[in-house]
Amino acid sequence: MTFPRKRTRRITVGEDVYLWHLDGDDANQITIRHSEFEGQFLFANPWCYEIQFGAGGVRKMIDFALANGWQPKEKGAAVRLTCDERGVDLKKV
């Protein structure tokens, strides 16, 4: 999957750099990937979390995903951050 040049942002978490962007005109999904490795993608619904949208919110999504098994440097199925009344969860797509 290729990231568009337009509206793609960089964020550093720890010592790793990630790329992220909003998909679609209605901003219904954030796609995140490691900047150097073609590993797992992380998909998240930006309207689903009780966090302020922007770099701080994306950092929280990355931290949560890493703590719950996301492998951004390893090839594999993409994962999705989901949420419902029980809370936030990480699921393979």
PDB file of N, CA and C in Angstrom:
ATOM      1  N   MET A   1       0.849  -1.177   0.000  1.00  0.00           N
ATOM      2  CA  MET A   1       0.000   0.000   0.000  1.00  0.00           C
ATOM      3  C   MET A   1       0.894   1.240   0.000  1.00  0.00           C
ATOM      4  N   THR A   2       0.640   2.129  -0.908  1.00  0.00           N
ATOM      5  CA  THR A   2       1.417   3.353  -1.019  1.00  0.00           C
ATOM      6  C   THR A   2       0.709   4.487  -0.297  1.00  0.00           C
ATOM      7  N   PHE A   3       1.463   5.256   0.436  1.00  0.00           N
ATOM      8  CA  PHE A   3       0.893   6.413   1.116  1.00  0.00           C
ATOM      9  C   PHE A   3       0.899   7.598   0.158  1.00  0.00           C
ATOM     10  N   PRO A   4      -0.165   8.397   0.177  1.00  0.00           N
ATOM     11  CA  PRO A   4      -0.163   9.603  -0.650  1.00  0.00           C
ATOM     12  C   PRO A   4       0.844  10.612  -0.108  1.00  0.00           C
ATOM     13  N   ARG A   5       1.428  11.382  -0.984  1.00  0.00           N
ATOM     14  CA  ARG A   5       2.373  12.412  -0.523  1.00  0.00           C
ATOM     15  C   ARG A   5       1.641  13.545   0.184  1.00  0.00           C
ATOM     16  N   LYS A   6       0.472  13.847  -0.347  1.00  0.00           N
ATOM     17  CA  LYS A   6      -0.315  14.933   0.216  1.00  0.00           C
ATOM     18  C   LYS A   6      -0.953  14.492   1.534  1.00  0.00           C
ATOM     19  N   ARG A   7      -0.869  15.296   2.531  1.00  0.00           N
ATOM     20  CA  ARG A   7      -1.506  15.096   3.841  1.00  0.00           C
ATOM     21  C   ARG A   7      -0.963  13.921   4.641  1.00  0.00           C
ATOM     22  N   THR A   8       0.171  13.371   4.256  1.00  0.00           N
ATOM     23  CA  THR A   8       0.800  12.332   5.074  1.00  0.00           C
ATOM     24  C   THR A   8       1.713  13.016   6.084  1.00  0.00           C
ATOM     25  N   ARG A   9       1.603  12.604   7.337  1.00  0.00           N
ATOM     26  CA  ARG A   9       2.374  13.199   8.421  1.00  0.00           C
ATOM     27  C   ARG A   9       3.382  12.191   8.958  1.00  0.00           C
ATOM     28  N   ARG A  10       4.426  12.709   9.590  1.00  0.00           N
ATOM     29  CA  ARG A  10       5.443  11.879  10.259  1.00  0.00           C
ATOM     30  C   ARG A  10       5.309  12.111  11.757  1.00  0.00           C
ATOM     31  N   ILE A  11       5.529  11.036  12.511  1.00  0.00           N
ATOM     32  CA  ILE A  11       5.531  11.143  13.969  1.00  0.00           C
ATOM     33  C   ILE A  11       6.597  10.199  14.511  1.00  0.00           C
ATOM     34  N   THR A  12       7.347  10.662  15.486  1.00  0.00           N
ATOM     35  CA  THR A  12       8.364   9.837  16.134  1.00  0.00           C
ATOM     36  C   THR A  12       7.816   9.349  17.467  1.00  0.00           C
ATOM     37  N   VAL A  13       7.877   8.042  17.653  1.00  0.00           N
ATOM     38  CA  VAL A  13       7.463   7.413  18.908  1.00  0.00           C
ATOM     39  C   VAL A  13       8.639   6.560  19.353  1.00  0.00           C
ATOM     40  N   GLY A  14       9.221   6.904  20.483  1.00  0.00           N
ATOM     41  CA  GLY A  14      10.451   6.233  20.902  1.00  0.00           C
ATOM     42  C   GLY A  14      11.545   6.605  19.918  1.00  0.00           C
ATOM     43  N   GLU A  15      12.162   5.585  19.336  1.00  0.00           N
ATOM     44  CA  GLU A  15      13.210   5.840  18.349  1.00  0.00           C
ATOM     45  C   GLU A  15      12.739   5.539  16.929  1.00  0.00           C
ATOM     46  N   ASP A  16      11.465   5.266  16.766  1.00  0.00           N
ATOM     47  CA  ASP A  16      10.927   4.902  15.456  1.00  0.00           C
ATOM     48  C   ASP A  16      10.089   6.035  14.877  1.00  0.00           C
ATOM     49  N   VAL A  17      10.138   6.152  13.558  1.00  0.00           N
ATOM     50  CA  VAL A  17       9.351   7.151  12.845  1.00  0.00           C
ATOM     51  C   VAL A  17       8.228   6.428  12.105  1.00  0.00           C
ATOM     52  N   TYR A  18       7.018   6.946  12.240  1.00  0.00           N
ATOM     53  CA  TYR A  18       5.840   6.387  11.594  1.00  0.00           C
ATOM     54  C   TYR A  18       5.244   7.417  10.654  1.00  0.00           C
ATOM     55  N   LEU A  19       4.531   6.926   9.651  1.00  0.00           N
ATOM     56  CA  LEU A  19       3.777   7.777   8.746  1.00  0.00           C
ATOM     57  C   LEU A  19       2.301   7.559   9.030  1.00  0.00           C
ATOM     58  N   TRP A  20       1.507   8.625   8.979  1.00  0.00           N
ATOM     59  CA  TRP A  20       0.074   8.482   9.190  1.00  0.00           C
ATOM     60  C   TRP A  20      -0.669   9.503   8.345  1.00  0.00           C
ATOM     61  N   HIS A  21      -1.882   9.143   7.996  1.00  0.00           N
ATOM     62  CA  HIS A  21      -2.749  10.064   7.260  1.00  0.00           C
ATOM     63  C   HIS A  21      -4.205   9.655   7.424  1.00  0.00           C
ATOM     64  N   LEU A  22      -5.071  10.624   7.169  1.00  0.00           N
ATOM     65  CA  LEU A  22      -6.505  10.369   7.153  1.00  0.00           C
ATOM     66  C   LEU A  22      -6.884   9.874   5.773  1.00  0.00           C
ATOM     67  N   ASP A  23      -7.672   8.803   5.724  1.00  0.00           N
ATOM     68  CA  ASP A  23      -8.153   8.270   4.452  1.00  0.00           C
ATOM     69  C   ASP A  23      -9.495   8.891   4.098  1.00  0.00           C
ATOM     70  N   GLY A  24      -9.679   9.160   2.850  1.00  0.00           N
ATOM     71  CA  GLY A  24     -10.975   9.610   2.361  1.00  0.00           C
ATOM     72  C   GLY A  24     -11.282  11.059   2.672  1.00  0.00           C
ATOM     73  N   ASP A  25     -12.230  11.582   1.941  1.00  0.00           N
ATOM     74  CA  ASP A  25     -12.619  12.973   2.121  1.00  0.00           C
ATOM     75  C   ASP A  25     -13.365  13.210   3.429  1.00  0.00           C
ATOM     76  N   ASP A  26     -14.009  12.182   3.941  1.00  0.00           N
ATOM     77  CA  ASP A  26     -14.754  12.361   5.184  1.00  0.00           C
ATOM     78  C   ASP A  26     -13.944  11.968   6.413  1.00  0.00           C
ATOM     79  N   ALA A  27     -12.665  11.707   6.249  1.00  0.00           N
ATOM     80  CA  ALA A  27     -11.736  11.434   7.357  1.00  0.00           C
ATOM     81  C   ALA A  27     -12.258  10.331   8.271  1.00  0.00           C
ATOM     82  N   ASN A  28     -12.623   9.186   7.673  1.00  0.00           N
ATOM     83  CA  ASN A  28     -13.222   8.115   8.470  1.00  0.00           C
ATOM     84  C   ASN A  28     -12.236   7.048   8.915  1.00  0.00           C
ATOM     85  N   GLN A  29     -10.967   7.159   8.531  1.00  0.00           N
ATOM     86  CA  GLN A  29      -9.977   6.171   8.969  1.00  0.00           C
ATOM     87  C   GLN A  29      -8.584   6.798   8.968  1.00  0.00           C
ATOM     88  N   ILE A  30      -7.821   6.469   9.996  1.00  0.00           N
ATOM     89  CA  ILE A  30      -6.412   6.835  10.033  1.00  0.00           C
ATOM     90  C   ILE A  30      -5.626   5.583   9.680  1.00  0.00           C
ATOM     91  N   THR A  31      -4.674   5.712   8.776  1.00  0.00           N
ATOM     92  CA  THR A  31      -3.783   4.605   8.425  1.00  0.00           C
ATOM     93  C   THR A  31      -2.389   4.972   8.916  1.00  0.00           C
ATOM     94  N   ILE A  32      -1.758   4.017   9.608  1.00  0.00           N
ATOM     95  CA  ILE A  32      -0.437   4.244  10.206  1.00  0.00           C
ATOM     96  C   ILE A  32       0.488   3.104   9.793  1.00  0.00           C
ATOM     97  N   ARG A  33       1.741   3.461   9.485  1.00  0.00           N
ATOM     98  CA  ARG A  33       2.738   2.432   9.192  1.00  0.00           C
ATOM     99  C   ARG A  33       4.111   2.952   9.582  1.00  0.00           C
ATOM    100  N   HIS A  34       5.048   2.030   9.747  1.00  0.00           N
ATOM    101  CA  HIS A  34       6.429   2.402  10.044  1.00  0.00           C
ATOM    102  C   HIS A  34       7.017   3.053   8.805  1.00  0.00           C
ATOM    103  N   SER A  35       7.868   4.048   8.977  1.00  0.00           N
ATOM    104  CA  SER A  35       8.411   4.774   7.822  1.00  0.00           C
ATOM    105  C   SER A  35       9.477   3.999   7.060  1.00  0.00           C
ATOM    106  N   GLU A  36      10.142   3.030   7.701  1.00  0.00           N
ATOM    107  CA  GLU A  36      11.256   2.327   7.061  1.00  0.00           C
ATOM    108  C   GLU A  36      10.955   0.883   6.688  1.00  0.00           C
ATOM    109  N   PHE A  37       9.948   0.285   7.292  1.00  0.00           N
ATOM    110  CA  PHE A  37       9.664  -1.131   7.079  1.00  0.00           C
ATOM    111  C   PHE A  37       8.297  -1.309   6.444  1.00  0.00           C
ATOM    112  N   GLU A  38       8.181  -2.284   5.570  1.00  0.00           N
ATOM    113  CA  GLU A  38       6.905  -2.631   4.953  1.00  0.00           C
ATOM    114  C   GLU A  38       6.213  -3.695   5.811  1.00  0.00           C
ATOM    115  N   GLY A  39       5.957  -3.359   7.047  1.00  0.00           N
ATOM    116  CA  GLY A  39       5.340  -4.298   7.976  1.00  0.00           C
ATOM    117  C   GLY A  39       3.834  -4.115   8.065  1.00  0.00           C
ATOM    118  N   GLN A  40       3.285  -4.552   9.189  1.00  0.00           N
ATOM    119  CA  GLN A  40       1.847  -4.457   9.409  1.00  0.00           C
ATOM    120  C   GLN A  40       1.375  -3.002   9.382  1.00  0.00           C
ATOM    121  N   PHE A  41       0.214  -2.803   8.781  1.00  0.00           N
ATOM    122  CA  PHE A  41      -0.454  -1.503   8.838  1.00  0.00           C
ATOM    123  C   PHE A  41      -1.367  -1.473  10.046  1.00  0.00           C
ATOM    124  N   LEU A  42      -1.616  -0.291  10.536  1.00  0.00           N
ATOM    125  CA  LEU A  42      -2.552  -0.077  11.637  1.00  0.00           C
ATOM    126  C   LEU A  42      -3.645   0.841  11.131  1.00  0.00           C
ATOM    127  N   PHE A  43      -4.896   0.406  11.233  1.00  0.00           N
ATOM    128  CA  PHE A  43      -6.053   1.213  10.855  1.00  0.00           C
ATOM    129  C   PHE A  43      -6.809   1.599  12.108  1.00  0.00           C
ATOM    130  N   ALA A  44      -7.294   2.826  12.153  1.00  0.00           N
ATOM    131  CA  ALA A  44      -8.039   3.280  13.330  1.00  0.00           C
ATOM    132  C   ALA A  44      -9.121   4.266  12.912  1.00  0.00           C
ATOM    133  N   ASN A  45     -10.231   4.228  13.598  1.00  0.00           N
ATOM    134  CA  ASN A  45     -11.315   5.179  13.400  1.00  0.00           C
ATOM    135  C   ASN A  45     -11.041   6.388  14.288  1.00  0.00           C
ATOM    136  N   PRO A  46     -10.771   7.556  13.724  1.00  0.00           N
ATOM    137  CA  PRO A  46     -10.414   8.714  14.553  1.00  0.00           C
ATOM    138  C   PRO A  46     -11.558   9.235  15.410  1.00  0.00           C
ATOM    139  N   TRP A  47     -12.782   8.872  15.089  1.00  0.00           N
ATOM    140  CA  TRP A  47     -13.932   9.384  15.842  1.00  0.00           C
ATOM    141  C   TRP A  47     -14.319   8.451  16.988  1.00  0.00           C
ATOM    142  N   CYS A  48     -13.593   7.395  17.167  1.00  0.00           N
ATOM    143  CA  CYS A  48     -13.946   6.341  18.102  1.00  0.00           C
ATOM    144  C   CYS A  48     -13.272   6.505  19.467  1.00  0.00           C
ATOM    145  N   TYR A  49     -12.339   7.388  19.588  1.00  0.00           N
ATOM    146  CA  TYR A  49     -11.525   7.456  20.793  1.00  0.00           C
ATOM    147  C   TYR A  49     -11.760   8.742  21.557  1.00  0.00           C
ATOM    148  N   GLU A  50     -11.669   8.659  22.844  1.00  0.00           N
ATOM    149  CA  GLU A  50     -11.834   9.835  23.691  1.00  0.00           C
ATOM    150  C   GLU A  50     -10.487  10.537  23.850  1.00  0.00           C
ATOM    151  N   ILE A  51      -9.873  10.850  22.721  1.00  0.00           N
ATOM    152  CA  ILE A  51      -8.599  11.541  22.718  1.00  0.00           C
ATOM    153  C   ILE A  51      -8.684  12.680  21.726  1.00  0.00           C
ATOM    154  N   GLN A  52      -7.891  13.676  21.939  1.00  0.00           N
ATOM    155  CA  GLN A  52      -7.880  14.795  21.013  1.00  0.00           C
ATOM    156  C   GLN A  52      -7.210  14.354  19.724  1.00  0.00           C
ATOM    157  N   PHE A  53      -7.853  14.652  18.601  1.00  0.00           N
ATOM    158  CA  PHE A  53      -7.295  14.247  17.327  1.00  0.00           C
ATOM    159  C   PHE A  53      -6.069  15.088  16.998  1.00  0.00           C
ATOM    160  N   GLY A  54      -5.100  14.471  16.354  1.00  0.00           N
ATOM    161  CA  GLY A  54      -3.853  15.128  15.980  1.00  0.00           C
ATOM    162  C   GLY A  54      -2.695  14.232  16.373  1.00  0.00           C
ATOM    163  N   ALA A  55      -1.498  14.801  16.389  1.00  0.00           N
ATOM    164  CA  ALA A  55      -0.298  13.998  16.672  1.00  0.00           C
ATOM    165  C   ALA A  55      -0.366  13.322  18.037  1.00  0.00           C
ATOM    166  N   GLY A  56      -0.876  14.010  19.047  1.00  0.00           N
ATOM    167  CA  GLY A  56      -0.971  13.407  20.379  1.00  0.00           C
ATOM    168  C   GLY A  56      -1.887  12.199  20.394  1.00  0.00           C
ATOM    169  N   GLY A  57      -3.005  12.295  19.705  1.00  0.00           N
ATOM    170  CA  GLY A  57      -3.932  11.172  19.617  1.00  0.00           C
ATOM    171  C   GLY A  57      -3.346  10.012  18.834  1.00  0.00           C
ATOM    172  N   VAL A  58      -2.662  10.312  17.747  1.00  0.00           N
ATOM    173  CA  VAL A  58      -2.029   9.263  16.946  1.00  0.00           C
ATOM    174  C   VAL A  58      -0.947   8.571  17.764  1.00  0.00           C
ATOM    175  N   ARG A  59      -0.196   9.329  18.543  1.00  0.00           N
ATOM    176  CA  ARG A  59       0.829   8.734  19.416  1.00  0.00           C
ATOM    177  C   ARG A  59       0.180   7.763  20.405  1.00  0.00           C
ATOM    178  N   LYS A  60      -0.955   8.130  20.978  1.00  0.00           N
ATOM    179  CA  LYS A  60      -1.649   7.236  21.915  1.00  0.00           C
ATOM    180  C   LYS A  60      -2.120   5.964  21.209  1.00  0.00           C
ATOM    181  N   MET A  61      -2.592   6.113  19.970  1.00  0.00           N
ATOM    182  CA  MET A  61      -3.005   4.928  19.206  1.00  0.00           C
ATOM    183  C   MET A  61      -1.821   4.007  18.958  1.00  0.00           C
ATOM    184  N   ILE A  62      -0.692   4.572  18.562  1.00  0.00           N
ATOM    185  CA  ILE A  62       0.517   3.774  18.309  1.00  0.00           C
ATOM    186  C   ILE A  62       0.986   3.101  19.587  1.00  0.00           C
ATOM    187  N   ASP A  63       1.041   3.834  20.689  1.00  0.00           N
ATOM    188  CA  ASP A  63       1.468   3.258  21.965  1.00  0.00           C
ATOM    189  C   ASP A  63       0.565   2.096  22.373  1.00  0.00           C
ATOM    190  N   PHE A  64      -0.754   2.291  22.253  1.00  0.00           N
ATOM    191  CA  PHE A  64      -1.696   1.235  22.616  1.00  0.00           C
ATOM    192  C   PHE A  64      -1.491   0.012  21.723  1.00  0.00           C
ATOM    193  N   ALA A  65      -1.375   0.240  20.415  1.00  0.00           N
ATOM    194  CA  ALA A  65      -1.223  -0.878  19.483  1.00  0.00           C
ATOM    195  C   ALA A  65       0.071  -1.649  19.739  1.00  0.00           C
ATOM    196  N   LEU A  66       1.168  -0.934  19.965  1.00  0.00           N
ATOM    197  CA  LEU A  66       2.447  -1.599  20.247  1.00  0.00           C
ATOM    198  C   LEU A  66       2.364  -2.428  21.528  1.00  0.00           C
ATOM    199  N   ALA A  67       1.712  -1.897  22.538  1.00  0.00           N
ATOM    200  CA  ALA A  67       1.575  -2.604  23.816  1.00  0.00           C
ATOM    201  C   ALA A  67       0.675  -3.833  23.700  1.00  0.00           C
ATOM    202  N   ASN A  68      -0.127  -3.890  22.625  1.00  0.00           N
ATOM    203  CA  ASN A  68      -1.082  -4.987  22.472  1.00  0.00           C
ATOM    204  C   ASN A  68      -0.809  -5.875  21.266  1.00  0.00           C
ATOM    205  N   GLY A  69       0.448  -5.880  20.799  1.00  0.00           N
ATOM    206  CA  GLY A  69       0.836  -6.873  19.803  1.00  0.00           C
ATOM    207  C   GLY A  69       1.046  -6.403  18.382  1.00  0.00           C
ATOM    208  N   TRP A  70       0.871  -5.114  18.092  1.00  0.00           N
ATOM    209  CA  TRP A  70       1.124  -4.632  16.732  1.00  0.00           C
ATOM    210  C   TRP A  70       2.601  -4.781  16.412  1.00  0.00           C
ATOM    211  N   GLN A  71       2.918  -5.299  15.240  1.00  0.00           N
ATOM    212  CA  GLN A  71       4.290  -5.543  14.797  1.00  0.00           C
ATOM    213  C   GLN A  71       4.576  -4.708  13.540  1.00  0.00           C
ATOM    214  N   PRO A  72       4.825  -3.415  13.667  1.00  0.00           N
ATOM    215  CA  PRO A  72       4.978  -2.561  12.488  1.00  0.00           C
ATOM    216  C   PRO A  72       6.221  -2.845  11.645  1.00  0.00           C
ATOM    217  N   LYS A  73       7.178  -3.587  12.191  1.00  0.00           N
ATOM    218  CA  LYS A  73       8.399  -3.904  11.441  1.00  0.00           C
ATOM    219  C   LYS A  73       8.349  -5.293  10.816  1.00  0.00           C
ATOM    220  N   GLU A  74       7.264  -6.037  11.069  1.00  0.00           N
ATOM    221  CA  GLU A  74       7.128  -7.407  10.578  1.00  0.00           C
ATOM    222  C   GLU A  74       6.003  -7.491   9.557  1.00  0.00           C
ATOM    223  N   LYS A  75       6.226  -8.294   8.503  1.00  0.00           N
ATOM    224  CA  LYS A  75       5.153  -8.525   7.533  1.00  0.00           C
ATOM    225  C   LYS A  75       4.036  -9.293   8.214  1.00  0.00           C
ATOM    226  N   GLY A  76       2.828  -8.990   7.829  1.00  0.00           N
ATOM    227  CA  GLY A  76       1.691  -9.684   8.397  1.00  0.00           C
ATOM    228  C   GLY A  76       0.407  -8.951   8.079  1.00  0.00           C
ATOM    229  N   ALA A  77      -0.688  -9.564   8.474  1.00  0.00           N
ATOM    230  CA  ALA A  77      -1.996  -8.961   8.247  1.00  0.00           C
ATOM    231  C   ALA A  77      -2.091  -7.631   8.988  1.00  0.00           C
ATOM    232  N   ALA A  78      -2.770  -6.694   8.373  1.00  0.00           N
ATOM    233  CA  ALA A  78      -2.993  -5.397   9.026  1.00  0.00           C
ATOM    234  C   ALA A  78      -3.824  -5.605  10.285  1.00  0.00           C
ATOM    235  N   VAL A  79      -3.740  -4.657  11.189  1.00  0.00           N
ATOM    236  CA  VAL A  79      -4.542  -4.705  12.402  1.00  0.00           C
ATOM    237  C   VAL A  79      -5.385  -3.435  12.485  1.00  0.00           C
ATOM    238  N   ARG A  80      -6.491  -3.536  13.207  1.00  0.00           N
ATOM    239  CA  ARG A  80      -7.417  -2.419  13.342  1.00  0.00           C
ATOM    240  C   ARG A  80      -7.689  -2.163  14.821  1.00  0.00           C
ATOM    241  N   LEU A  81      -7.592  -0.898  15.189  1.00  0.00           N
ATOM    242  CA  LEU A  81      -8.022  -0.498  16.527  1.00  0.00           C
ATOM    243  C   LEU A  81      -9.529  -0.324  16.476  1.00  0.00           C
ATOM    244  N   THR A  82     -10.226  -1.027  17.322  1.00  0.00           N
ATOM    245  CA  THR A  82     -11.685  -0.928  17.382  1.00  0.00           C
ATOM    246  C   THR A  82     -12.098  -0.461  18.760  1.00  0.00           C
ATOM    247  N   CYS A  83     -13.288   0.047  18.847  1.00  0.00           N
ATOM    248  CA  CYS A  83     -13.794   0.421  20.170  1.00  0.00           C
ATOM    249  C   CYS A  83     -15.300   0.231  20.215  1.00  0.00           C
ATOM    250  N   ASP A  84     -15.758  -0.058  21.396  1.00  0.00           N
ATOM    251  CA  ASP A  84     -17.188  -0.160  21.655  1.00  0.00           C
ATOM    252  C   ASP A  84     -17.401   0.140  23.133  1.00  0.00           C
ATOM    253  N   GLU A  85     -18.550  -0.206  23.644  1.00  0.00           N
ATOM    254  CA  GLU A  85     -18.855   0.115  25.048  1.00  0.00           C
ATOM    255  C   GLU A  85     -17.922  -0.582  26.035  1.00  0.00           C
ATOM    256  N   ARG A  86     -17.222  -1.643  25.594  1.00  0.00           N
ATOM    257  CA  ARG A  86     -16.285  -2.350  26.474  1.00  0.00           C
ATOM    258  C   ARG A  86     -14.907  -1.717  26.485  1.00  0.00           C
ATOM    259  N   GLY A  87     -14.612  -0.851  25.500  1.00  0.00           N
ATOM    260  CA  GLY A  87     -13.310  -0.207  25.443  1.00  0.00           C
ATOM    261  C   GLY A  87     -12.642  -0.384  24.099  1.00  0.00           C
ATOM    262  N   VAL A  88     -11.337  -0.192  24.070  1.00  0.00           N
ATOM    263  CA  VAL A  88     -10.542  -0.247  22.842  1.00  0.00           C
ATOM    264  C   VAL A  88      -9.896  -1.620  22.727  1.00  0.00           C
ATOM    265  N   ASP A  89      -9.816  -2.136  21.488  1.00  0.00           N
ATOM    266  CA  ASP A  89      -9.232  -3.448  21.256  1.00  0.00           C
ATOM    267  C   ASP A  89      -8.442  -3.420  19.946  1.00  0.00           C
ATOM    268  N   LEU A  90      -7.525  -4.342  19.784  1.00  0.00           N
ATOM    269  CA  LEU A  90      -6.721  -4.484  18.578  1.00  0.00           C
ATOM    270  C   LEU A  90      -7.073  -5.809  17.921  1.00  0.00           C
ATOM    271  N   LYS A  91      -7.500  -5.766  16.650  1.00  0.00           N
ATOM    272  CA  LYS A  91      -7.911  -6.980  15.948  1.00  0.00           C
ATOM    273  C   LYS A  91      -7.224  -7.067  14.604  1.00  0.00           C
ATOM    274  N   LYS A  92      -6.896  -8.293  14.175  1.00  0.00           N
ATOM    275  CA  LYS A  92      -6.339  -8.488  12.836  1.00  0.00           C
ATOM    276  C   LYS A  92      -7.445  -8.280  11.816  1.00  0.00           C
ATOM    277  N   VAL A  93      -7.060  -7.696  10.686  1.00  0.00           N
ATOM    278  CA  VAL A  93      -8.034  -7.423   9.621  1.00  0.00           C
ATOM    279  C   VAL A  93      -8.160  -8.642   8.743  1.00  0.00           C
TER     280      VAL A  93
END
